[in-house]
C-alpha cells in the first residue's frame, strides 16, 4: 500500500514508532485520502466516527475534518461529548454512537482527552465489556478498528501511544488501558490547528509535553531509542514554549510544539514516566487540579529529589556537567512553570495539608512511580507533597 503523497512545502510523512505520521501545515485537508490509504487495512473504511469536543466543533476544526473525510466518500458522524479527563461514561456514550453509525473507522480529533476517549471507544466497540476489563496491558483479544489521531494541542502526545487513560466514573480513579492494537494507524500533525488553542490550554498542555520529555528521558525503562525521542522533544519544546505562548501565530513555534509533543509521546511509548506523574494524578482526582498544572508544579521537586540518580540523563538534556544538572534542570522547569502562571505551591491549589499522607498513599499506587530513577515509596511521595506545599526543597540523592 503506497503512502507517496504530495503534502506541500515543509510537509513530510514517515513511519514512526508503529504509526504512519504525516506532518505539515494544512495536512488536515488530506484526511480523507489518508483514511482510504490506511496502512495494514485491506478494505477502505466507509463509515467514520469523529471523536472530538464541543470547543473544537465550535472552532470549525470538526467541520473541516468532516468535509475532508466526506470528500473521499466516507459517511461521517460526530461524537462531540468528550470532556477533560474523560470517564467511562464518556466512552460508553461514544461507543453507543459508534454502534448506531455502523462505524468502521475512528478518528480522534483534539487533545489528550479526545484521543483517550477515541481509543477507549475502540476497546469497547470491538472487544465488548467495560473499560475496567482492559485496565493494564495487552488485554484486547480481538482485532480493533483502524483509527487516525489528529492532535490539536502541543501536549499529551497521546496520539503516539497505545494507552487510553480513562477515569472510572464512580470514583475518578484513572485507569491506563493499553494494547498495541489500540494505537492510531495514522497520525496527522497539522501545526495550523494550534493557532486557535486558548492560552490557558496551551500553557498546561505544553508543560505536560515538557514533563513527558524530562521524565521519560530518566525513566528506569529508558533506552537509546526512547532517549532519542525525548532528547529531540525537549530541545524543540524548550526553545518554542515561550514564543508560542507569546505568539500562537509563530509558524516555527507551533511546529516545534506539535512535533515535540508527539516525540514526547513516542518516548513514553518506548519507555515510561516517573514520580511527577504519580504525584499529579491524585491531585487531579481529589482536587480537580488540571493535569498539566499538577505535573508542572511537582516536576521541579521531583527532579531535585532524584539528584545524582538521574544527573547524567538530565545533563544529556541540558548539556554541561552532570554535577549540578538536576538543580539546573529544576530551575529551568520552575522558570517555565512560572511563565505558564502555574500556582507556586499546593496550598494555592486548595490542597488540604492534612490529606497529604493519604495523597502519598494514592501516588504510591500509580504505576509510573516504579519507573522513577530514584526509588520512592508512600513516605517519600508524601514528603514530596510536603515540599511542594510550602515550596521547600528536598535534599537531593
Protein backbone atom coordinates (compact mmCIF):
# COMPACT_ATOMS: atom_id res chain seq x y z
CA UNK A 1 0.00 0.00 0.00
CA UNK A 2 1.53 3.29 -1.06
CA UNK A 3 1.99 6.36 1.08
CA UNK A 4 3.50 8.62 -1.53
CA UNK A 5 1.56 11.86 -1.31
CA UNK A 6 2.43 15.41 -2.21
CA UNK A 7 1.77 17.18 1.08
CA UNK A 8 3.23 20.52 0.04
CA UNK A 9 6.30 22.54 1.06
CA UNK A 10 7.59 21.81 4.56
CA UNK A 11 5.45 18.68 4.88
CA UNK A 12 6.59 15.10 5.23
CA UNK A 13 5.38 11.63 6.10
CA UNK A 14 7.19 8.74 7.75
CA UNK A 15 6.61 5.55 9.69
CA UNK A 16 7.43 6.40 13.28
CA UNK A 17 7.09 4.11 16.29
CA UNK A 18 4.41 1.92 14.73
CA UNK A 19 2.25 4.67 13.19
CA UNK A 20 2.29 6.39 9.83
CA UNK A 21 2.94 10.04 10.74
CA UNK A 22 2.05 12.89 8.38
CA UNK A 23 3.30 16.37 9.29
CA UNK A 24 2.74 19.77 7.72
CA UNK A 25 0.61 22.90 7.62
CA UNK A 26 -2.78 22.14 6.12
CA UNK A 27 -2.49 18.33 6.06
CA UNK A 28 -5.85 18.06 7.84
CA UNK A 29 -7.35 18.73 4.40
CA UNK A 30 -5.89 15.40 3.21
CA UNK A 31 -7.60 13.42 5.98
CA UNK A 32 -9.96 11.63 3.59
CA UNK A 33 -7.16 10.47 1.32
CA UNK A 34 -5.21 9.22 4.30
CA UNK A 35 -8.27 7.36 5.60
CA UNK A 36 -8.58 5.47 2.33
CA UNK A 37 -4.87 4.63 2.41
CA UNK A 38 -4.56 3.39 5.99
CA UNK A 39 -1.58 1.07 6.49
CA UNK A 40 -2.46 -2.55 7.13
CA UNK A 41 -6.11 -2.17 6.13
CA UNK A 42 -7.36 -4.36 3.28
CA UNK A 43 -10.76 -2.79 2.55
CA UNK A 44 -11.04 1.01 2.70
CA UNK A 45 -13.32 2.23 5.50
CA UNK A 46 -16.77 3.58 4.67
CA UNK A 47 -18.28 4.95 7.88
CA UNK A 48 -16.19 7.14 10.19
CA UNK A 49 -16.95 8.33 13.71
CA UNK A 50 -15.18 11.61 14.50
CA UNK A 51 -14.49 11.82 18.26
CA UNK A 52 -13.95 15.38 19.46
CA UNK A 53 -15.17 18.01 21.93
CA UNK A 54 -17.61 20.95 21.74
CA UNK A 55 -14.84 23.56 21.65
CA UNK A 56 -13.23 22.07 18.56
CA UNK A 57 -16.59 21.80 16.88
CA UNK A 58 -17.21 25.50 17.63
CA UNK A 59 -13.75 26.39 16.31
CA UNK A 60 -14.60 24.78 12.96
CA UNK A 61 -11.95 22.04 13.11
CA UNK A 62 -14.53 19.24 13.31
CA UNK A 63 -16.30 20.65 10.26
CA UNK A 64 -13.06 20.73 8.29
CA UNK A 65 -12.21 17.18 9.28
CA UNK A 66 -15.69 16.00 8.37
CA UNK A 67 -15.57 17.71 4.97
CA UNK A 68 -12.17 16.17 4.22
CA UNK A 69 -13.49 12.70 5.06
CA UNK A 70 -16.71 13.19 3.11
CA UNK A 71 -14.78 14.42 0.07
CA UNK A 72 -13.31 10.91 -0.15
CA UNK A 73 -16.72 9.29 0.05
CA UNK A 74 -16.90 8.40 3.75
CA UNK A 75 -20.12 8.75 5.73
CA UNK A 76 -19.25 10.70 8.88
CA UNK A 77 -20.92 11.01 12.28
CA UNK A 78 -19.56 13.29 15.01
CA UNK A 79 -19.41 12.43 18.70
CA UNK A 80 -18.50 15.70 20.44
CA UNK A 81 -19.36 14.92 24.07
CA UNK A 82 -15.75 14.46 25.19
CA UNK A 83 -14.79 16.42 28.30
CA UNK A 84 -11.48 16.97 30.08
CA UNK A 85 -10.25 13.80 31.83
CA UNK A 86 -12.80 11.53 30.12
CA UNK A 87 -14.56 8.94 32.22
CA UNK A 88 -16.03 5.55 31.49
CA UNK A 89 -19.38 7.30 30.99
CA UNK A 90 -18.00 9.33 28.06
CA UNK A 91 -16.52 6.22 26.48
CA UNK A 92 -19.77 4.31 26.86
CA UNK A 93 -21.79 7.10 25.21
CA UNK A 94 -19.27 7.28 22.38
CA UNK A 95 -19.47 3.53 21.90
CA UNK A 96 -23.25 3.76 21.60
CA UNK A 97 -22.84 6.46 18.94
CA UNK A 98 -20.35 4.26 17.07
CA UNK A 99 -22.76 1.32 17.13
CA UNK A 100 -25.63 3.44 15.81
CA UNK A 101 -23.47 4.69 12.93
CA UNK A 102 -22.11 1.29 11.92
CA UNK A 103 -18.60 2.65 12.36
CA UNK A 104 -15.62 1.02 10.65
CA UNK A 105 -13.12 3.88 11.20
CA UNK A 106 -12.44 6.00 14.28
CA UNK A 107 -10.87 9.47 14.10
CA UNK A 108 -9.75 11.22 17.30
CA UNK A 109 -9.58 15.00 16.86
CA UNK A 110 -8.47 17.07 19.83
CA UNK A 111 -6.20 16.98 22.85
CA UNK A 112 -5.40 14.01 25.01
CA UNK A 113 -8.99 13.69 26.22
CA UNK A 114 -10.36 13.13 22.70
CA UNK A 115 -7.52 10.71 21.91
CA UNK A 116 -8.08 8.70 25.08
CA UNK A 117 -11.84 8.60 24.57
CA UNK A 118 -11.38 7.51 20.95
CA UNK A 119 -9.09 4.65 21.98
CA UNK A 120 -11.49 3.71 24.77
CA UNK A 121 -14.36 3.55 22.28
CA UNK A 122 -12.25 1.24 20.12
CA UNK A 123 -11.79 -1.14 23.05
CA UNK A 124 -15.48 -1.37 23.89
CA UNK A 125 -16.72 -1.37 20.30
CA UNK A 126 -14.51 -4.27 19.24
CA UNK A 127 -13.99 -6.22 22.46
CA UNK A 128 -17.20 -5.64 24.42
CA UNK A 129 -17.39 -5.47 28.20
CA UNK A 130 -16.34 -2.44 30.27
CA UNK A 131 -13.19 -0.30 30.36
CA UNK A 132 -12.22 -1.92 33.67
CA UNK A 133 -11.75 -5.18 31.74
CA UNK A 134 -8.81 -3.63 29.85
CA UNK A 135 -7.07 -1.91 32.77
CA UNK A 136 -3.47 -2.94 32.26
CA UNK A 137 -1.63 -4.04 29.14
CA UNK A 138 -2.48 -6.38 26.26
CA UNK A 139 -5.96 -7.47 27.28
CA UNK A 140 -7.67 -6.99 23.89
CA UNK A 141 -8.28 -10.42 22.37
CA UNK A 142 -9.84 -9.45 19.03
CA UNK A 143 -8.77 -7.08 16.24
CA UNK A 144 -9.58 -3.42 16.70
CA UNK A 145 -10.85 -0.87 14.20
CA UNK A 146 -8.35 1.22 12.22
CA UNK A 147 -8.06 4.68 13.71
CA UNK A 148 -6.49 8.06 12.96
CA UNK A 149 -5.23 10.54 15.57
CA UNK A 150 -5.31 14.28 14.87
CA UNK A 151 -3.91 16.24 17.84
CA UNK A 152 -4.95 19.87 18.17
CA UNK A 153 -2.64 20.79 21.07
CA UNK A 154 1.09 20.58 21.64
CA UNK A 155 0.52 18.50 24.71
CA UNK A 156 -0.13 14.92 25.71
CA UNK A 157 1.36 13.03 22.78
CA UNK A 158 -1.47 10.52 23.29
CA UNK A 159 -1.65 10.05 19.53
CA UNK A 160 1.75 8.30 19.73
CA UNK A 161 0.72 5.87 22.47
CA UNK A 162 -1.23 2.62 22.82
CA UNK A 163 -2.77 3.61 26.16
CA UNK A 164 -6.22 5.05 26.77
CA UNK A 165 -6.25 6.94 30.08
CA UNK A 166 -9.85 6.82 31.27
CA UNK A 167 -11.18 7.66 34.73
CA UNK A 168 -13.67 5.35 36.38
CA UNK A 169 -16.88 7.37 36.68
CA UNK A 170 -17.68 6.00 40.15
CA UNK A 171 -14.54 7.20 41.92
CA UNK A 172 -12.47 9.08 39.27
CA UNK A 173 -9.67 6.52 39.57
CA UNK A 174 -7.57 6.91 36.43
CA UNK A 175 -7.14 3.65 34.52
CA UNK A 176 -4.39 3.07 31.95
CA UNK A 177 -5.73 0.62 29.36
CA UNK A 178 -3.08 -0.29 26.83
CA UNK A 179 -2.81 -2.54 23.82
CA UNK A 180 -0.77 -2.28 20.63
CA UNK A 181 -3.93 -2.83 18.61
CA UNK A 182 -5.35 0.40 20.06
CA UNK A 183 -2.65 2.59 18.52
CA UNK A 184 -3.60 5.00 15.79
CA UNK A 185 -2.61 3.57 12.41
CA UNK A 186 -2.09 7.09 11.05
CA UNK A 187 -1.26 10.32 12.91
CA UNK A 188 -1.95 13.68 11.27
CA UNK A 189 0.17 16.55 12.67
CA UNK A 190 -1.09 19.89 11.33
CA UNK A 191 0.56 22.86 13.13
CA UNK A 192 -2.17 25.18 11.85
CA UNK A 193 -4.57 23.57 14.33
CA UNK A 194 -2.60 25.08 17.23
CA UNK A 195 -3.47 28.65 16.26
CA UNK A 196 -6.87 28.52 17.96
CA UNK A 197 -5.76 26.91 21.24
CA UNK A 198 -6.70 29.18 24.18
CA UNK A 199 -3.69 30.37 26.15
CA UNK A 200 -4.69 28.56 29.35
CA UNK A 201 -4.89 25.30 27.41
CA UNK A 202 -1.63 25.96 25.56
CA UNK A 203 0.22 26.53 28.84
CA UNK A 204 -0.90 23.40 30.66
CA UNK A 205 -0.62 21.09 27.66
CA UNK A 206 2.82 22.49 26.85
CA UNK A 207 4.01 21.87 30.39
CA UNK A 208 2.66 18.34 30.17
CA UNK A 209 4.62 17.73 26.98
CA UNK A 210 7.81 19.07 28.58
CA UNK A 211 7.27 16.81 31.58
CA UNK A 212 6.96 13.81 29.25
CA UNK A 213 10.33 14.56 27.69
CA UNK A 214 12.01 15.02 31.08
CA UNK A 215 10.54 12.02 32.89
CA UNK A 216 10.85 9.56 30.03
CA UNK A 217 14.49 10.56 29.50
CA UNK A 218 15.43 9.49 33.04
CA UNK A 219 12.94 6.64 33.43
CA UNK A 220 14.28 3.27 34.56
CA UNK A 221 12.74 1.85 31.40
CA UNK A 222 14.66 4.27 29.14
CA UNK A 223 16.53 3.03 26.11
CA UNK A 224 18.67 4.63 23.38
CA UNK A 225 15.53 4.78 21.21
CA UNK A 226 13.34 6.42 23.84
CA UNK A 227 16.09 8.88 24.73
CA UNK A 228 16.49 9.84 21.09
CA UNK A 229 12.81 10.78 21.06
CA UNK A 230 12.83 12.53 24.44
CA UNK A 231 16.02 14.48 23.72
CA UNK A 232 14.62 15.88 20.49
CA UNK A 233 11.26 16.51 22.15
CA UNK A 234 12.83 18.53 24.97
CA UNK A 235 15.01 20.51 22.53
CA UNK A 236 12.01 21.58 20.47
CA UNK A 237 9.64 22.23 23.37
CA UNK A 238 12.14 24.17 25.47
CA UNK A 239 13.04 26.53 22.65
CA UNK A 240 9.45 27.05 21.46
CA UNK A 241 7.35 27.26 24.62
CA UNK A 242 7.82 30.94 25.47
CA UNK A 243 7.49 32.06 21.86
CA UNK A 244 4.35 30.01 21.31
CA UNK A 245 2.66 31.40 24.41
CA UNK A 246 3.51 34.96 23.36
CA UNK A 247 2.54 34.50 19.70
CA UNK A 248 0.48 31.43 18.69
CA UNK A 249 0.75 32.56 15.06
CA UNK A 250 4.51 31.94 15.03
CA UNK A 251 4.87 29.16 12.46
CA UNK A 252 8.13 27.67 13.75
CA UNK A 253 6.99 27.68 17.38
CA UNK A 254 3.74 25.91 16.52
CA UNK A 255 5.60 23.29 14.52
CA UNK A 256 8.09 22.69 17.33
CA UNK A 257 5.37 22.39 19.97
CA UNK A 258 3.30 19.91 17.96
CA UNK A 259 6.20 17.74 16.83
CA UNK A 260 7.91 17.98 20.22
CA UNK A 261 4.75 16.82 21.97
CA UNK A 262 4.39 13.92 19.56
CA UNK A 263 8.01 12.86 20.09
CA UNK A 264 7.48 13.09 23.84
CA UNK A 265 4.54 10.72 23.45
CA UNK A 266 6.70 8.38 21.39
CA UNK A 267 9.32 8.50 24.16
CA UNK A 268 6.71 7.43 26.72
CA UNK A 269 5.58 4.61 24.44
CA UNK A 270 9.19 3.39 24.19
CA UNK A 271 9.91 3.78 27.93
CA UNK A 272 7.76 5.20 30.76
CA UNK A 273 7.35 8.20 33.08
CA UNK A 274 8.18 8.75 36.75
CA UNK A 275 7.18 10.13 40.14
CA UNK A 276 5.91 13.52 38.97
CA UNK A 277 3.06 11.86 37.09
CA UNK A 278 2.33 9.57 40.03
CA UNK A 279 2.06 12.66 42.23
CA UNK A 280 -0.04 14.57 39.70
CA UNK A 281 -2.81 12.01 39.24
CA UNK A 282 -4.17 12.06 42.83
CA UNK A 283 -4.19 15.88 42.76
CA UNK A 284 -6.38 15.76 39.67
CA UNK A 285 -8.65 13.06 41.07
CA UNK A 286 -9.08 14.59 44.55
CA UNK A 287 -8.84 18.34 43.93
CA UNK A 288 -9.57 18.63 40.20
CA UNK A 289 -6.18 20.26 39.62
CA UNK A 290 -5.63 20.30 35.86
CA UNK A 291 -3.11 17.59 34.97
CA UNK A 292 -0.62 19.96 33.31
CA UNK A 293 -0.71 22.27 36.34
CA UNK A 294 -0.26 19.37 38.75
CA UNK A 295 2.67 17.82 36.92
CA UNK A 296 4.23 21.23 36.19
CA UNK A 297 4.12 22.09 39.88
CA UNK A 298 5.50 18.76 41.09
CA UNK A 299 8.19 18.15 38.45
CA UNK A 300 10.89 20.57 39.75
CA UNK A 301 10.60 19.00 43.21
CA UNK A 302 10.94 15.50 41.74
CA UNK A 303 13.94 16.46 39.60
CA UNK A 304 15.76 17.88 42.65
CA UNK A 305 14.79 14.81 44.69
CA UNK A 306 16.20 12.48 42.01
CA UNK A 307 19.50 14.33 42.11
CA UNK A 308 22.51 12.15 41.29
CA UNK A 309 20.28 9.17 40.44
CA UNK A 310 19.42 10.94 37.18
CA UNK A 311 22.16 13.57 36.84
CA UNK A 312 23.74 12.04 33.72
CA UNK A 313 20.38 11.85 31.97
CA UNK A 314 19.48 15.39 32.98
CA UNK A 315 22.86 16.62 31.71
CA UNK A 316 22.15 14.86 28.42
CA UNK A 317 19.04 17.03 28.05
CA UNK A 318 20.63 20.31 29.12
CA UNK A 319 24.28 19.99 28.23
CA UNK A 320 27.03 20.77 30.71
CA UNK A 321 28.32 18.67 33.58
CA UNK A 322 26.22 16.12 35.48
CA UNK A 323 27.35 17.55 38.82
CA UNK A 324 24.67 20.25 39.04
CA UNK A 325 22.39 19.05 36.23
CA UNK A 326 19.42 18.24 38.49
CA UNK A 327 19.49 21.68 40.08
CA UNK A 328 19.88 23.44 36.71
CA UNK A 329 17.05 21.46 35.17
CA UNK A 330 14.78 22.05 38.15
CA UNK A 331 15.46 25.78 37.92
CA UNK A 332 14.65 25.77 34.20
CA UNK A 333 11.42 23.83 34.77
CA UNK A 334 10.45 26.28 37.51
CA UNK A 335 11.01 29.16 35.08
CA UNK A 336 8.73 27.52 32.53
CA UNK A 337 6.06 26.82 35.17
CA UNK A 338 6.20 30.45 36.27
CA UNK A 339 5.90 31.56 32.65
CA UNK A 340 2.80 29.38 32.40
CA UNK A 341 1.43 31.01 35.57
CA UNK A 342 1.28 27.73 37.48
CA UNK A 343 0.45 28.31 41.17
CA UNK A 344 3.61 28.39 43.29
CA UNK A 345 2.57 25.64 45.70
CA UNK A 346 -0.11 23.13 46.59
CA UNK A 347 -1.64 25.41 49.20
CA UNK A 348 -2.50 27.82 46.38
CA UNK A 349 -4.34 24.95 44.64
CA UNK A 350 -6.63 24.45 47.63
CA UNK A 351 -4.95 21.26 48.82
CA UNK A 352 -5.56 20.37 52.49
CA UNK A 353 -2.26 19.69 54.23
CA UNK A 354 -3.89 17.08 56.47
CA UNK A 355 -4.64 14.99 53.38
CA UNK A 356 -1.04 14.80 52.14
CA UNK A 357 -0.35 11.35 53.68
CA UNK A 358 -3.49 9.96 52.01
CA UNK A 359 -2.42 11.53 48.72
CA UNK A 360 1.02 9.96 49.18
CA UNK A 361 -0.56 6.53 49.51
CA UNK A 362 -2.58 7.10 46.32
CA UNK A 363 0.55 8.33 44.50
CA UNK A 364 2.40 5.17 45.51
CA UNK A 365 -0.34 3.12 43.84
CA UNK A 366 0.24 4.84 40.50
CA UNK A 367 2.18 2.58 38.19
CA UNK A 368 4.61 5.25 36.91
CA UNK A 369 6.19 5.58 40.38
CA UNK A 370 8.07 2.30 39.91
CA UNK A 371 9.93 3.73 36.91
CA UNK A 372 11.29 6.78 38.74
CA UNK A 373 15.13 6.84 38.65
CA UNK A 374 15.28 7.12 42.44
CA UNK A 375 13.11 4.64 44.31
CA UNK A 376 10.07 6.13 46.01
CA UNK A 377 7.52 4.84 48.47
CA UNK A 378 4.46 6.41 50.06
CA UNK A 379 6.54 8.19 52.71
CA UNK A 380 8.87 9.79 50.18
CA UNK A 381 5.98 10.75 47.90
CA UNK A 382 4.25 12.36 50.88
CA UNK A 383 7.48 14.25 51.60
CA UNK A 384 7.48 15.50 48.00
CA UNK A 385 3.92 16.75 48.51
CA UNK A 386 5.11 18.46 51.70
CA UNK A 387 7.95 20.17 49.82
CA UNK A 388 5.51 21.39 47.17
CA UNK A 389 3.01 22.50 49.79
CA UNK A 390 5.46 25.01 51.24
CA UNK A 391 7.67 25.42 48.15
CA UNK A 392 10.63 23.95 50.01
CA UNK A 393 13.35 21.75 48.53
CA UNK A 394 14.11 18.16 49.48
CA UNK A 395 17.73 17.09 49.83
CA UNK A 396 18.92 15.55 46.55
CA UNK A 397 20.12 11.98 46.41
